[in-house]
Amino acid sequence: MVSNNTPLAGLVGIILVVAVIAALAALGFSGNDILNPTTSAAAAHAKELEIESKSQKDTIDLAAYQAQKAAETEKVNLDLANYKAIQAARAQAEQDKARLEVEAHQRKLDQDLTLARLTTYTLVGSGMLTLLVLGTGAAIFLGQLGRSRLVQAQAQAARTQMIAQARAREIAYREAELVQAVPKPIIGGNGKHPPEPVENTMQRVA
């Protein structure tokens, strides 16, 4: 069985040898230094340095990026804090303004209420004073009117009394004149006056 596969095994071996030689040739032509240990070590060291430099650069870039992000975050936080402070100041200013307006409105209401009370008290006092003056004036007027009427009544009574006394004196005076004007009667034999007619007596009185 081995003898039957010997040509095939040899062919495979030749193909492997040719593949290895072609690979080595390709490496040689490509400039790879695997076959040269000194050049390979230097290239590896350079590669390590390059990788380390790139790592350092990446670290520096990362630190700069983080610093930039930190600065941006700090700026955002500072802006946010300033915005909050400004908004709080505005809100406080609005609250103070509203409070001052309310206090001013309340003071105005108190002043108006006080003025209204003073006006009411003044009007009430003026009304009471007016009523008092009118009442006093009416009482004085009625008193004067009563006294005037009393004086007029007394004067009227005095005039009436004087008129009555004057008439009484006049009547008495006339009666006295009539008595004097009556002739003395003639005494008859019986010593009495002859009776006079009633008509003659009434005519003399008239």
Protein backbone atom coordinates (compact mmCIF):
# COMPACT_ATOMS: atom_id res chain seq x y z
CA MET A 1 0.00 0.00 0.00
CA VAL A 2 2.92 2.27 0.76
CA SER A 3 4.50 1.44 -2.45
CA ASN A 4 1.42 2.34 -4.33
CA ASN A 5 1.33 5.91 -2.72
CA THR A 6 5.06 6.72 -2.99
CA PRO A 7 4.81 8.86 -6.16
CA LEU A 8 1.95 10.84 -4.66
CA ALA A 9 3.83 11.41 -1.41
CA GLY A 10 6.84 12.61 -3.32
CA LEU A 11 4.70 15.00 -5.31
CA VAL A 12 3.24 16.44 -2.15
CA GLY A 13 6.66 16.88 -0.65
CA ILE A 14 7.89 18.68 -3.76
CA ILE A 15 4.86 20.99 -3.67
CA LEU A 16 5.52 21.85 -0.04
CA VAL A 17 9.18 22.58 -0.71
CA VAL A 18 8.30 24.79 -3.66
CA ALA A 19 5.65 26.63 -1.55
CA VAL A 20 8.16 27.30 1.21
CA ILE A 21 10.76 28.53 -1.26
CA ALA A 22 8.15 30.77 -2.92
CA ALA A 23 7.09 32.16 0.45
CA LEU A 24 10.69 32.89 1.43
CA ALA A 25 11.29 34.50 -1.93
CA ALA A 26 8.18 36.61 -1.56
CA LEU A 27 9.32 37.70 1.87
CA GLY A 28 12.70 38.57 0.49
CA PHE A 29 11.32 40.54 -2.39
CA SER A 30 8.81 42.37 -0.08
CA GLY A 31 11.58 43.67 2.15
CA ASN A 32 10.53 41.73 5.22
CA ASP A 33 13.33 41.31 7.73
CA ILE A 34 12.18 38.04 9.25
CA LEU A 35 15.15 36.28 7.79
CA ASN A 36 17.47 39.01 9.18
CA PRO A 37 17.35 38.95 13.05
CA THR A 38 19.08 42.35 13.56
CA THR A 39 16.90 44.20 11.13
CA SER A 40 13.81 42.46 12.50
CA ALA A 41 14.63 43.50 16.09
CA ALA A 42 15.22 47.11 15.06
CA ALA A 43 11.99 47.16 13.13
CA ALA A 44 10.20 45.63 16.09
CA HIS A 45 11.71 48.27 18.44
CA ALA A 46 10.74 51.03 16.03
CA LYS A 47 7.29 49.55 15.84
CA GLU A 48 7.10 49.52 19.63
CA LEU A 49 8.28 53.12 19.77
CA GLU A 50 5.73 54.07 17.17
CA ILE A 51 3.02 52.25 19.10
CA GLU A 52 4.17 53.88 22.37
CA SER A 53 4.28 57.31 20.74
CA LYS A 54 0.86 56.79 19.31
CA SER A 55 -0.34 55.61 22.72
CA GLN A 56 1.17 58.69 24.37
CA LYS A 57 -0.38 60.87 21.69
CA ASP A 58 -3.70 59.15 22.21
CA THR A 59 -3.32 59.64 25.96
CA ILE A 60 -2.48 63.31 25.47
CA ASP A 61 -5.33 63.72 23.03
CA LEU A 62 -7.64 61.93 25.43
CA ALA A 63 -6.49 64.16 28.31
CA ALA A 64 -6.93 67.25 26.14
CA TYR A 65 -10.34 66.00 25.06
CA GLN A 66 -11.31 65.28 28.65
CA ALA A 67 -9.99 68.71 29.70
CA GLN A 68 -11.91 70.33 26.88
CA LYS A 69 -15.04 68.41 27.83
CA ALA A 70 -14.50 69.31 31.48
CA ALA A 71 -14.06 72.96 30.50
CA GLU A 72 -17.15 72.80 28.33
CA THR A 73 -19.07 71.08 31.13
CA GLU A 74 -17.84 73.66 33.61
CA LYS A 75 -18.84 76.43 31.20
CA VAL A 76 -22.25 74.84 30.75
CA ASN A 77 -22.63 74.48 34.50
CA LEU A 78 -21.46 78.06 34.99
CA ASP A 79 -23.86 79.28 32.31
CA LEU A 80 -26.63 77.23 33.89
CA ALA A 81 -25.80 78.63 37.31
CA ASN A 82 -25.72 82.16 35.89
CA TYR A 83 -29.02 81.53 34.12
CA LYS A 84 -30.55 80.18 37.32
CA ALA A 85 -29.18 83.15 39.26
CA ILE A 86 -30.55 85.57 36.67
CA GLN A 87 -33.93 83.83 36.66
CA ALA A 88 -33.98 83.82 40.46
CA ALA A 89 -33.06 87.51 40.51
CA ARG A 90 -35.79 88.26 37.98
CA ALA A 91 -38.31 86.22 39.95
CA GLN A 92 -37.28 87.98 43.16
CA ALA A 93 -37.52 91.34 41.42
CA GLU A 94 -40.98 90.45 40.13
CA GLN A 95 -42.02 89.32 43.61
CA ASP A 96 -40.63 92.51 45.15
CA LYS A 97 -42.37 94.60 42.51
CA ALA A 98 -45.67 92.79 43.07
CA ARG A 99 -45.27 93.12 46.84
CA LEU A 100 -44.51 96.83 46.55
CA GLU A 101 -47.50 97.30 44.24
CA VAL A 102 -49.74 95.43 46.70
CA GLU A 103 -48.39 97.49 49.60
CA ALA A 104 -48.86 100.73 47.64
CA HIS A 105 -52.40 99.68 46.69
CA GLN A 106 -53.13 98.78 50.31
CA ARG A 107 -51.75 102.13 51.49
CA LYS A 108 -53.94 103.91 48.91
CA LEU A 109 -56.97 101.93 50.09
CA ASP A 110 -56.15 102.82 53.70
CA GLN A 111 -55.76 106.49 52.76
CA ASP A 112 -59.02 106.44 50.80
CA LEU A 113 -60.77 104.70 53.70
CA THR A 114 -59.36 107.21 56.16
CA LEU A 115 -60.38 110.10 53.90
CA ALA A 116 -63.85 108.59 53.50
CA ARG A 117 -64.16 108.23 57.26
CA LEU A 118 -63.00 111.80 57.82
CA THR A 119 -65.43 113.00 55.15
CA THR A 120 -68.24 111.02 56.76
CA TYR A 121 -67.38 112.34 60.21
CA THR A 122 -67.16 115.87 58.81
CA LEU A 123 -70.51 115.56 57.06
CA VAL A 124 -72.13 114.04 60.13
CA GLY A 125 -70.62 116.73 62.34
CA SER A 126 -71.68 119.45 59.91
CA GLY A 127 -75.16 117.97 59.73
CA MET A 128 -75.45 117.77 63.50
CA LEU A 129 -74.10 121.30 63.82
CA THR A 130 -76.53 122.48 61.17
CA LEU A 131 -79.40 120.75 62.96
CA LEU A 132 -78.24 122.25 66.24
CA VAL A 133 -78.02 125.72 64.70
CA LEU A 134 -81.39 125.28 63.03
CA GLY A 135 -82.91 123.96 66.25
CA THR A 136 -81.42 126.79 68.26
CA GLY A 137 -82.54 129.32 65.65
CA ALA A 138 -86.02 127.82 65.58
CA ALA A 139 -86.20 127.85 69.37
CA ILE A 140 -85.01 131.45 69.45
CA PHE A 141 -87.44 132.38 66.68
CA LEU A 142 -90.32 130.63 68.40
CA GLY A 143 -89.36 132.23 71.69
CA GLN A 144 -89.17 135.64 70.09
CA LEU A 145 -92.41 134.97 68.24
CA GLY A 146 -94.07 133.90 71.48
CA ARG A 147 -92.77 136.95 73.30
CA SER A 148 -93.79 139.15 70.40
CA ARG A 149 -97.25 137.68 70.42
CA LEU A 150 -97.39 138.00 74.21
CA VAL A 151 -96.30 141.62 73.96
CA GLN A 152 -98.81 142.18 71.20
CA ALA A 153 -101.51 140.50 73.26
CA GLN A 154 -100.56 142.54 76.31
CA ALA A 155 -100.51 145.71 74.21
CA GLN A 156 -103.86 144.77 72.67
CA ALA A 157 -105.24 144.07 76.13
CA ALA A 158 -103.86 147.38 77.38
CA ARG A 159 -105.36 149.21 74.39
CA THR A 160 -108.64 147.43 74.90
CA GLN A 161 -108.56 148.32 78.59
CA MET A 162 -107.66 151.91 77.79
CA ILE A 163 -110.46 152.10 75.22
CA ALA A 164 -112.88 150.61 77.74
CA GLN A 165 -111.73 153.03 80.42
CA ALA A 166 -112.01 155.92 77.95
CA ARG A 167 -115.52 154.85 77.01
CA ALA A 168 -116.45 154.44 80.63
CA ARG A 169 -115.12 157.92 81.42
CA GLU A 170 -116.92 159.30 78.38
CA ILE A 171 -120.16 157.64 79.42
CA ALA A 172 -119.74 158.92 82.94
CA TYR A 173 -118.97 162.40 81.63
CA ARG A 174 -122.05 162.37 79.42
CA GLU A 175 -124.18 161.10 82.21
CA ALA A 176 -122.86 163.92 84.37
CA GLU A 177 -123.66 166.41 81.64
CA LEU A 178 -127.15 164.99 81.27
CA VAL A 179 -127.71 165.22 84.95
CA GLN A 180 -126.64 168.84 84.93
CA ALA A 181 -128.76 169.60 81.87
CA VAL A 182 -131.97 168.25 83.42
CA PRO A 183 -134.14 171.19 84.70
CA LYS A 184 -135.20 171.21 88.29
CA PRO A 185 -138.79 170.00 88.71
CA ILE A 186 -141.60 172.24 89.96
CA ILE A 187 -142.76 171.15 93.33
CA GLY A 188 -146.50 170.80 93.62
CA GLY A 189 -148.87 171.22 96.57
CA ASN A 190 -148.09 167.72 97.70
CA GLY A 191 -144.37 168.45 97.62
CA LYS A 192 -143.59 165.96 94.75
CA HIS A 193 -142.52 166.41 91.21
CA PRO A 194 -145.09 165.89 88.60
CA PRO A 195 -144.24 162.79 86.61
CA GLU A 196 -142.44 163.39 83.31
CA PRO A 197 -143.32 161.63 80.22
CA VAL A 198 -140.96 158.74 79.42
CA GLU A 199 -140.38 159.96 75.90
CA ASN A 200 -139.00 163.32 77.07
CA THR A 201 -136.59 161.59 79.41
CA MET A 202 -135.24 159.28 76.70
CA GLN A 203 -134.78 162.21 74.31
CA ARG A 204 -132.65 164.07 76.85
CA VAL A 205 -130.51 161.04 77.48
CA ALA A 206 -129.92 160.65 73.81
